[in-house]
Amino acid sequence: MKQKEIPQYALFVNVKDLKEMQRDIWSEEAVQATMKFNKKRYDIDLLLRGSHIRKMKKKSYYIEFYSPKIFQRAKEIHLNAEYKDPSLMRNKLSLDFFSSLDVLSPQSQFINLTINGKNEGIYLQLESVDELFLKKRNLADGSIFYAVDGDANFSLMSDLDKKPKTTLLSGYEDKAVKQGDEEKLEQFIFNLNTWTNTEFEQNIEKYLHVDRYLSWLVGIICMQNYDGFVHNYALYRNHESGRFELIPWDYDATWGRDVNGKVMEGDYVRAQGFNTLTARLLAVDSIKKRYIKKMNNVLNNQFTVEYMKPIVYQMHEELKPYILKDPYVKNNIEQFYEEPAFILSFIKDRTAYIKNNLLAF
């Protein structure tokens, strides 16, 4: 089989602007730059993205296209450094796994990046979740909110300071929001916190795509992403159905490693998950049974060593030829080679933990 070639993106930035970007890592002011790909030139706005990654040697970037305005059917892309993941694969493995569970999930691909001729190594290009994300999938028009911090916890209480929220939109950033939908989100959060158990069971399906939420819950529990319960997702309100759906985002802290790349044992995140919405859903007996049925199906068919092994190794082989050229990874090459076995071992441990704990609730 011919080795899959990773696309090459070349960025060119004014040296003064690049130095200023590297100096003021928290700046939200984009700089003008040029991107060349497949002998075509794109005028872009370039910005650092992420939070803790900004302090690392290898940065992540946000790119918005303005001439031409569209690139690969997108008006903006995210280039993730995956600096703390020794495999570089966890984010893509996770997003692809969500797609296999019928959860709306961003597309992603590996690319090799240069800036002003300097090799910056392998990056993961993430599709932006916006109105074009919906159009590409022939989804109904709607609004998109980004969950940007721990206050996007579906609660009336702040996850950050443990006090009542001053606004129920706390934790969310408008991405592509239509008039009236901020109020719809506030109403949803208020209702799910104040309905009686009977009211919740009778009304939740009108506000939430429960089946997709349960599929998302199965995915996040299997992969063990601790942060994803209260942020690291986009919220889509479908205008045809009037219901909300979760779209996962930034899933590098998964498959047995935390956000710093440290080992996260297979029993770190409980099988019931977290956040107020999850707790209320699983308190409804009929919904809990649906969740357990979904989970058992995935544990028997997709979250298995047999299913994941060829996926993990194929992705690993795709990256191998480029790893030695990545200036930020080449000194940790031995760990990169060990990661597929580590990930498969995590799957075995995590599966055993989930199966044991499904029986307990």
Protein backbone atom coordinates (compact mmCIF):
# COMPACT_ATOMS: atom_id res chain seq x y z
CA MET A 1 0.00 0.00 0.00
CA LYS A 2 1.34 3.44 -0.96
CA GLN A 3 2.19 5.67 1.99
CA LYS A 4 -0.35 8.46 2.41
CA GLU A 5 1.27 11.84 1.90
CA ILE A 6 0.57 14.57 4.44
CA PRO A 7 -0.26 17.98 2.89
CA GLN A 8 2.31 20.77 3.20
CA TYR A 9 1.16 24.26 4.25
CA ALA A 10 3.65 27.13 3.97
CA LEU A 11 2.93 30.30 5.96
CA PHE A 12 4.74 33.58 5.39
CA VAL A 13 4.52 36.30 8.04
CA ASN A 14 6.20 39.67 8.34
CA VAL A 15 9.18 39.04 10.67
CA LYS A 16 8.23 41.95 12.92
CA ASP A 17 4.64 40.68 13.24
CA LEU A 18 5.83 37.15 13.95
CA LYS A 19 8.17 38.31 16.72
CA GLU A 20 5.38 40.36 18.28
CA MET A 21 3.03 37.35 18.15
CA GLN A 22 5.65 35.24 19.87
CA ARG A 23 6.25 37.95 22.49
CA ASP A 24 2.62 38.74 23.34
CA ILE A 25 1.18 35.22 23.38
CA TRP A 26 -2.19 36.32 24.81
CA SER A 27 -2.91 38.89 22.11
CA GLU A 28 -6.23 38.41 20.29
CA GLU A 29 -5.20 40.71 17.44
CA ALA A 30 -4.63 38.82 14.19
CA VAL A 31 -1.71 39.54 11.88
CA GLN A 32 -1.89 39.49 8.10
CA ALA A 33 -0.02 36.65 6.46
CA THR A 34 0.13 34.47 3.36
CA MET A 35 -0.42 30.74 3.03
CA LYS A 36 0.73 28.70 0.06
CA PHE A 37 -0.68 25.27 -0.70
CA ASN A 38 -0.64 23.30 -3.96
CA LYS A 39 0.92 26.23 -5.84
CA LYS A 40 -1.93 28.52 -4.79
CA ARG A 41 -1.64 31.61 -2.59
CA TYR A 42 -4.11 32.60 0.12
CA ASP A 43 -4.20 35.89 2.01
CA ILE A 44 -5.02 35.11 5.63
CA ASP A 45 -5.38 36.46 9.13
CA LEU A 46 -3.23 34.50 11.58
CA LEU A 47 -3.70 34.23 15.33
CA LEU A 48 -2.44 32.03 18.16
CA ARG A 49 -5.17 29.79 19.60
CA GLY A 50 -5.75 27.68 22.69
CA SER A 51 -4.90 28.37 26.32
CA HIS A 52 -2.07 26.41 27.98
CA ILE A 53 -0.58 25.59 24.55
CA ARG A 54 0.35 29.26 24.04
CA LYS A 55 3.08 28.85 26.68
CA MET A 56 4.61 25.87 24.88
CA LYS A 57 7.40 25.90 22.31
CA LYS A 58 5.12 24.60 19.58
CA LYS A 59 2.11 26.91 19.18
CA SER A 60 -1.37 26.29 17.79
CA TYR A 61 -2.85 28.63 15.19
CA TYR A 62 -6.18 29.95 13.95
CA ILE A 63 -6.39 30.95 10.29
CA GLU A 64 -9.14 32.98 8.62
CA PHE A 65 -9.14 33.30 4.83
CA TYR A 66 -9.98 36.60 3.17
CA SER A 67 -8.61 36.33 -0.38
CA PRO A 68 -9.92 33.97 -1.58
CA LYS A 69 -12.43 33.70 1.27
CA ILE A 70 -12.93 29.93 1.04
CA PHE A 71 -10.37 27.14 1.47
CA GLN A 72 -11.45 23.49 1.32
CA ARG A 73 -15.09 24.59 1.76
CA ALA A 74 -14.19 26.52 4.92
CA LYS A 75 -13.64 30.18 5.75
CA GLU A 76 -11.42 29.39 8.75
CA ILE A 77 -9.37 26.48 10.08
CA HIS A 78 -7.57 25.57 13.29
CA LEU A 79 -4.05 24.12 13.31
CA ASN A 80 -3.44 22.23 16.55
CA ALA A 81 0.12 21.55 17.69
CA GLU A 82 -0.83 18.45 19.78
CA TYR A 83 2.40 19.27 21.62
CA LYS A 84 1.68 17.41 24.87
CA ASP A 85 0.36 14.25 23.18
CA PRO A 86 3.33 11.95 22.51
CA SER A 87 1.31 10.09 19.88
CA LEU A 88 -0.01 13.25 18.14
CA MET A 89 -3.07 11.09 17.34
CA ARG A 90 -5.45 11.38 20.29
CA ASN A 91 -7.48 14.33 19.06
CA LYS A 92 -8.07 12.83 15.63
CA LEU A 93 -8.71 9.35 17.03
CA SER A 94 -11.35 10.87 19.31
CA LEU A 95 -13.14 12.97 16.72
CA ASP A 96 -13.21 10.06 14.26
CA PHE A 97 -14.50 7.78 17.02
CA PHE A 98 -17.34 10.20 17.74
CA SER A 99 -18.25 10.18 14.04
CA SER A 100 -18.47 6.38 14.15
CA LEU A 101 -21.03 6.79 16.96
CA ASP A 102 -23.17 9.13 14.80
CA VAL A 103 -22.18 12.19 16.84
CA LEU A 104 -21.73 15.43 14.89
CA SER A 105 -17.97 15.88 14.88
CA PRO A 106 -15.42 18.15 13.10
CA GLN A 107 -13.36 16.68 10.29
CA SER A 108 -9.62 16.66 10.82
CA GLN A 109 -6.43 15.87 8.93
CA PHE A 110 -2.71 15.95 9.60
CA ILE A 111 -0.64 18.57 7.80
CA ASN A 112 3.02 19.56 7.84
CA LEU A 113 3.64 23.25 8.52
CA THR A 114 6.42 25.69 7.71
CA ILE A 115 6.55 29.33 8.78
CA ASN A 116 8.88 31.60 6.81
CA GLY A 117 10.65 28.49 5.57
CA LYS A 118 11.22 27.01 9.04
CA ASN A 119 9.80 23.53 9.56
CA GLU A 120 7.25 23.58 12.41
CA GLY A 121 6.38 19.90 12.11
CA ILE A 122 3.11 18.00 12.16
CA TYR A 123 -0.17 19.72 12.97
CA LEU A 124 -3.76 18.57 13.14
CA GLN A 125 -6.07 20.69 11.01
CA LEU A 126 -9.51 20.96 12.59
CA GLU A 127 -12.67 21.99 10.80
CA SER A 128 -14.32 25.03 12.34
CA VAL A 129 -17.82 24.51 13.75
CA ASP A 130 -19.82 27.29 12.08
CA GLU A 131 -22.59 27.79 9.51
CA LEU A 132 -20.46 26.11 6.81
CA PHE A 133 -20.09 23.06 9.09
CA LEU A 134 -23.88 22.78 8.97
CA LYS A 135 -24.14 23.35 5.21
CA LYS A 136 -21.52 20.69 4.37
CA ARG A 137 -23.65 18.13 6.22
CA ASN A 138 -26.98 19.35 4.83
CA LEU A 139 -28.09 20.16 8.37
CA ALA A 140 -30.87 22.58 9.19
CA ASP A 141 -30.04 26.21 9.75
CA GLY A 142 -29.38 27.04 13.38
CA SER A 143 -27.21 28.72 15.98
CA ILE A 144 -23.83 27.64 17.33
CA PHE A 145 -22.40 28.47 20.73
CA TYR A 146 -18.85 27.62 21.79
CA ALA A 147 -18.38 26.30 25.34
CA VAL A 148 -15.17 28.08 26.27
CA ASP A 149 -14.80 27.50 30.01
CA GLY A 150 -16.08 25.52 32.98
CA ASP A 151 -19.25 27.58 33.33
CA ALA A 152 -20.73 25.79 30.31
CA ASN A 153 -21.80 23.10 32.79
CA PHE A 154 -25.61 23.26 32.27
CA SER A 155 -25.98 24.46 35.87
CA LEU A 156 -27.27 27.58 37.62
CA MET A 157 -24.03 27.56 39.62
CA SER A 158 -20.61 28.55 38.34
CA ASP A 159 -18.10 25.71 38.01
CA LEU A 160 -15.31 28.25 38.42
CA ASP A 161 -16.13 29.98 41.74
CA LYS A 162 -19.03 27.77 42.99
CA LYS A 163 -21.36 30.79 43.18
CA PRO A 164 -24.69 31.46 41.40
CA LYS A 165 -24.12 32.58 37.82
CA THR A 166 -24.83 36.22 36.99
CA THR A 167 -25.97 35.07 33.53
CA LEU A 168 -26.95 31.64 32.25
CA LEU A 169 -24.93 32.35 29.10
CA SER A 170 -21.77 32.30 31.20
CA GLY A 171 -19.22 29.91 29.70
CA TYR A 172 -20.52 30.32 26.16
CA GLU A 173 -19.24 32.39 23.26
CA ASP A 174 -21.47 33.22 20.30
CA LYS A 175 -20.14 31.72 17.07
CA ALA A 176 -23.02 31.80 14.59
CA VAL A 177 -26.02 32.78 16.68
CA LYS A 178 -29.38 33.84 15.29
CA GLN A 179 -31.69 36.32 16.97
CA GLY A 180 -33.64 34.87 19.88
CA ASP A 181 -31.44 31.81 20.37
CA GLU A 182 -29.50 33.23 23.32
CA GLU A 183 -32.84 33.42 25.13
CA LYS A 184 -33.63 29.83 24.02
CA LEU A 185 -30.35 28.61 25.54
CA GLU A 186 -31.03 30.48 28.79
CA GLN A 187 -34.52 28.99 28.92
CA PHE A 188 -33.15 25.49 28.31
CA ILE A 189 -30.59 25.76 31.12
CA PHE A 190 -33.15 27.25 33.52
CA ASN A 191 -35.75 24.58 32.74
CA LEU A 192 -33.44 21.60 33.07
CA ASN A 193 -32.42 22.87 36.51
CA THR A 194 -35.94 23.67 37.79
CA TRP A 195 -38.26 21.07 36.25
CA THR A 196 -39.59 18.41 38.55
CA ASN A 197 -38.52 14.86 37.67
CA THR A 198 -41.84 14.27 35.92
CA GLU A 199 -41.63 17.56 33.98
CA PHE A 200 -38.05 16.78 32.97
CA GLU A 201 -38.97 13.33 31.62
CA GLN A 202 -41.97 14.73 29.73
CA ASN A 203 -40.21 17.73 28.18
CA ILE A 204 -36.49 17.09 27.71
CA GLU A 205 -36.86 15.52 24.24
CA LYS A 206 -38.41 18.80 23.00
CA TYR A 207 -35.24 20.71 23.90
CA LEU A 208 -32.43 18.17 23.48
CA HIS A 209 -31.57 15.51 20.89
CA VAL A 210 -31.36 12.95 23.69
CA ASP A 211 -30.22 10.04 21.53
CA ARG A 212 -27.26 12.01 20.14
CA TYR A 213 -26.42 13.29 23.61
CA LEU A 214 -26.31 9.72 24.92
CA SER A 215 -24.03 8.74 22.02
CA TRP A 216 -21.77 11.68 22.89
CA LEU A 217 -21.83 10.58 26.54
CA VAL A 218 -20.82 7.04 25.58
CA GLY A 219 -17.92 8.43 23.53
CA ILE A 220 -16.59 10.81 26.17
CA ILE A 221 -16.84 8.13 28.87
CA CYS A 222 -15.00 5.55 26.74
CA MET A 223 -12.20 7.93 25.75
CA GLN A 224 -12.12 9.43 29.27
CA ASN A 225 -12.03 13.14 28.51
CA TYR A 226 -12.39 14.88 31.87
CA ASP A 227 -12.69 18.45 30.52
CA GLY A 228 -15.36 17.78 27.93
CA PHE A 229 -18.29 17.69 30.36
CA VAL A 230 -18.15 21.42 31.11
CA HIS A 231 -16.41 22.87 28.05
CA ASN A 232 -14.56 21.68 24.91
CA TYR A 233 -17.77 21.41 22.92
CA ALA A 234 -19.97 23.44 20.62
CA LEU A 235 -23.72 23.62 21.13
CA TYR A 236 -25.89 23.59 18.00
CA ARG A 237 -29.57 24.58 18.11
CA ASN A 238 -31.36 23.03 15.14
CA HIS A 239 -34.04 25.47 13.96
CA GLU A 240 -36.15 22.74 12.35
CA SER A 241 -36.41 20.58 15.45
CA GLY A 242 -35.78 23.30 18.06
CA ARG A 243 -33.41 20.90 19.84
CA PHE A 244 -29.83 21.30 21.02
CA GLU A 245 -26.95 18.96 20.09
CA LEU A 246 -23.37 18.76 21.38
CA ILE A 247 -20.40 18.79 19.00
CA PRO A 248 -17.08 17.67 20.58
CA TRP A 249 -13.94 19.81 20.32
CA ASP A 250 -10.27 19.51 21.38
CA TYR A 251 -9.99 15.91 22.53
CA ASP A 252 -6.23 15.50 22.95
CA ALA A 253 -6.55 14.66 26.68
CA THR A 254 -7.93 11.18 26.03
CA TRP A 255 -6.99 7.52 25.53
CA GLY A 256 -5.10 7.31 28.82
CA ARG A 257 -3.27 10.66 28.98
CA ASP A 258 -4.27 14.00 30.50
CA VAL A 259 -3.86 17.51 29.11
CA ASN A 260 -0.17 17.50 30.09
CA GLY A 261 0.51 14.12 28.51
CA LYS A 262 0.71 12.38 31.88
CA VAL A 263 -0.77 8.92 32.43
CA MET A 264 -4.45 8.98 33.36
CA GLU A 265 -5.49 5.63 34.79
CA GLY A 266 -8.50 3.86 33.33
CA ASP A 267 -10.68 4.55 36.36
CA TYR A 268 -10.20 8.34 36.44
CA VAL A 269 -13.60 9.37 35.01
CA ARG A 270 -16.65 7.60 36.39
CA ALA A 271 -19.01 5.71 34.09
CA GLN A 272 -21.90 8.10 34.90
CA GLY A 273 -20.02 11.17 33.72
CA PHE A 274 -20.46 14.69 35.05
CA ASN A 275 -22.46 17.93 34.65
CA THR A 276 -26.03 18.76 35.63
CA LEU A 277 -27.64 17.73 32.35
CA THR A 278 -26.03 14.28 32.41
CA ALA A 279 -27.07 13.73 36.02
CA ARG A 280 -30.68 14.63 35.30
CA LEU A 281 -30.84 12.45 32.19
CA LEU A 282 -29.46 9.40 33.97
CA ALA A 283 -31.90 9.94 36.84
CA VAL A 284 -34.69 9.02 34.39
CA ASP A 285 -34.92 5.24 34.40
CA SER A 286 -35.91 4.88 30.73
CA ILE A 287 -33.06 7.16 29.59
CA LYS A 288 -30.55 5.42 31.84
CA LYS A 289 -31.51 2.09 30.25
CA ARG A 290 -30.98 3.59 26.78
CA TYR A 291 -27.54 4.82 27.85
CA ILE A 292 -26.52 1.44 29.27
CA LYS A 293 -27.73 -0.33 26.11
CA LYS A 294 -25.74 2.08 23.91
CA MET A 295 -22.66 1.73 26.09
CA ASN A 296 -22.74 -2.06 26.06
CA ASN A 297 -23.15 -2.06 22.29
CA VAL A 298 -20.10 0.20 21.84
CA LEU A 299 -18.02 -1.74 24.38
CA ASN A 300 -18.74 -4.94 22.45
CA ASN A 301 -18.25 -3.57 18.94
CA GLN A 302 -16.26 -0.33 18.63
CA PHE A 303 -14.39 0.41 21.84
CA THR A 304 -12.42 -2.80 21.54
CA VAL A 305 -8.81 -3.65 20.80
CA GLU A 306 -9.92 -5.60 17.72
CA TYR A 307 -11.79 -2.64 16.25
CA MET A 308 -9.33 0.11 17.21
CA LYS A 309 -6.00 -1.67 16.58
CA PRO A 310 -5.95 -1.28 12.77
CA ILE A 311 -7.17 2.32 13.06
CA VAL A 312 -4.48 3.24 15.60
CA TYR A 313 -1.65 1.56 13.68
CA GLN A 314 -2.69 2.92 10.30
CA MET A 315 -2.71 6.47 11.67
CA HIS A 316 0.61 5.84 13.40
CA GLU A 317 2.17 4.60 10.14
CA GLU A 318 0.88 7.68 8.35
CA LEU A 319 2.78 9.91 10.79
CA LYS A 320 6.02 7.90 11.01
CA PRO A 321 7.86 9.37 7.99
CA TYR A 322 7.25 12.91 9.28
CA ILE A 323 8.06 12.44 12.95
CA LEU A 324 11.85 12.51 12.54
CA LYS A 325 11.52 15.86 10.78
CA ASP A 326 9.32 17.44 13.46
CA PRO A 327 11.71 19.58 15.55
CA TYR A 328 9.43 19.34 18.60
CA VAL A 329 8.89 15.56 18.57
CA LYS A 330 12.10 13.98 17.32
CA ASN A 331 13.73 14.00 20.77
CA ASN A 332 10.81 11.99 22.14
CA ILE A 333 10.73 9.48 19.32
CA GLU A 334 10.86 6.36 21.51
CA GLN A 335 7.65 7.31 23.30
CA PHE A 336 5.95 7.97 19.96
CA TYR A 337 6.76 4.40 18.88
CA GLU A 338 5.36 3.02 22.17
CA GLU A 339 2.06 4.92 22.08
CA PRO A 340 -0.07 2.51 19.98
CA ALA A 341 0.51 -0.29 22.50
CA PHE A 342 -0.20 2.18 25.34
CA ILE A 343 -3.51 3.24 23.75
CA LEU A 344 -4.63 -0.36 23.21
CA SER A 345 -3.74 -1.23 26.80
CA PHE A 346 -5.83 1.72 27.96
CA ILE A 347 -8.82 0.44 25.97
CA LYS A 348 -8.63 -2.91 27.81
CA ASP A 349 -8.34 -1.27 31.23
CA ARG A 350 -11.05 1.31 30.55
CA THR A 351 -13.46 -1.29 29.19
CA ALA A 352 -13.07 -3.44 32.31
CA TYR A 353 -13.67 -0.43 34.55
CA ILE A 354 -16.80 0.72 32.68
CA LYS A 355 -18.33 -2.76 32.56
CA ASN A 356 -17.84 -3.20 36.31
CA ASN A 357 -19.34 0.18 37.09
CA LEU A 358 -22.31 -0.05 34.74
CA LEU A 359 -23.64 -2.72 37.06
CA ALA A 360 -23.45 -0.36 40.02
CA PHE A 361 -25.87 2.37 38.93
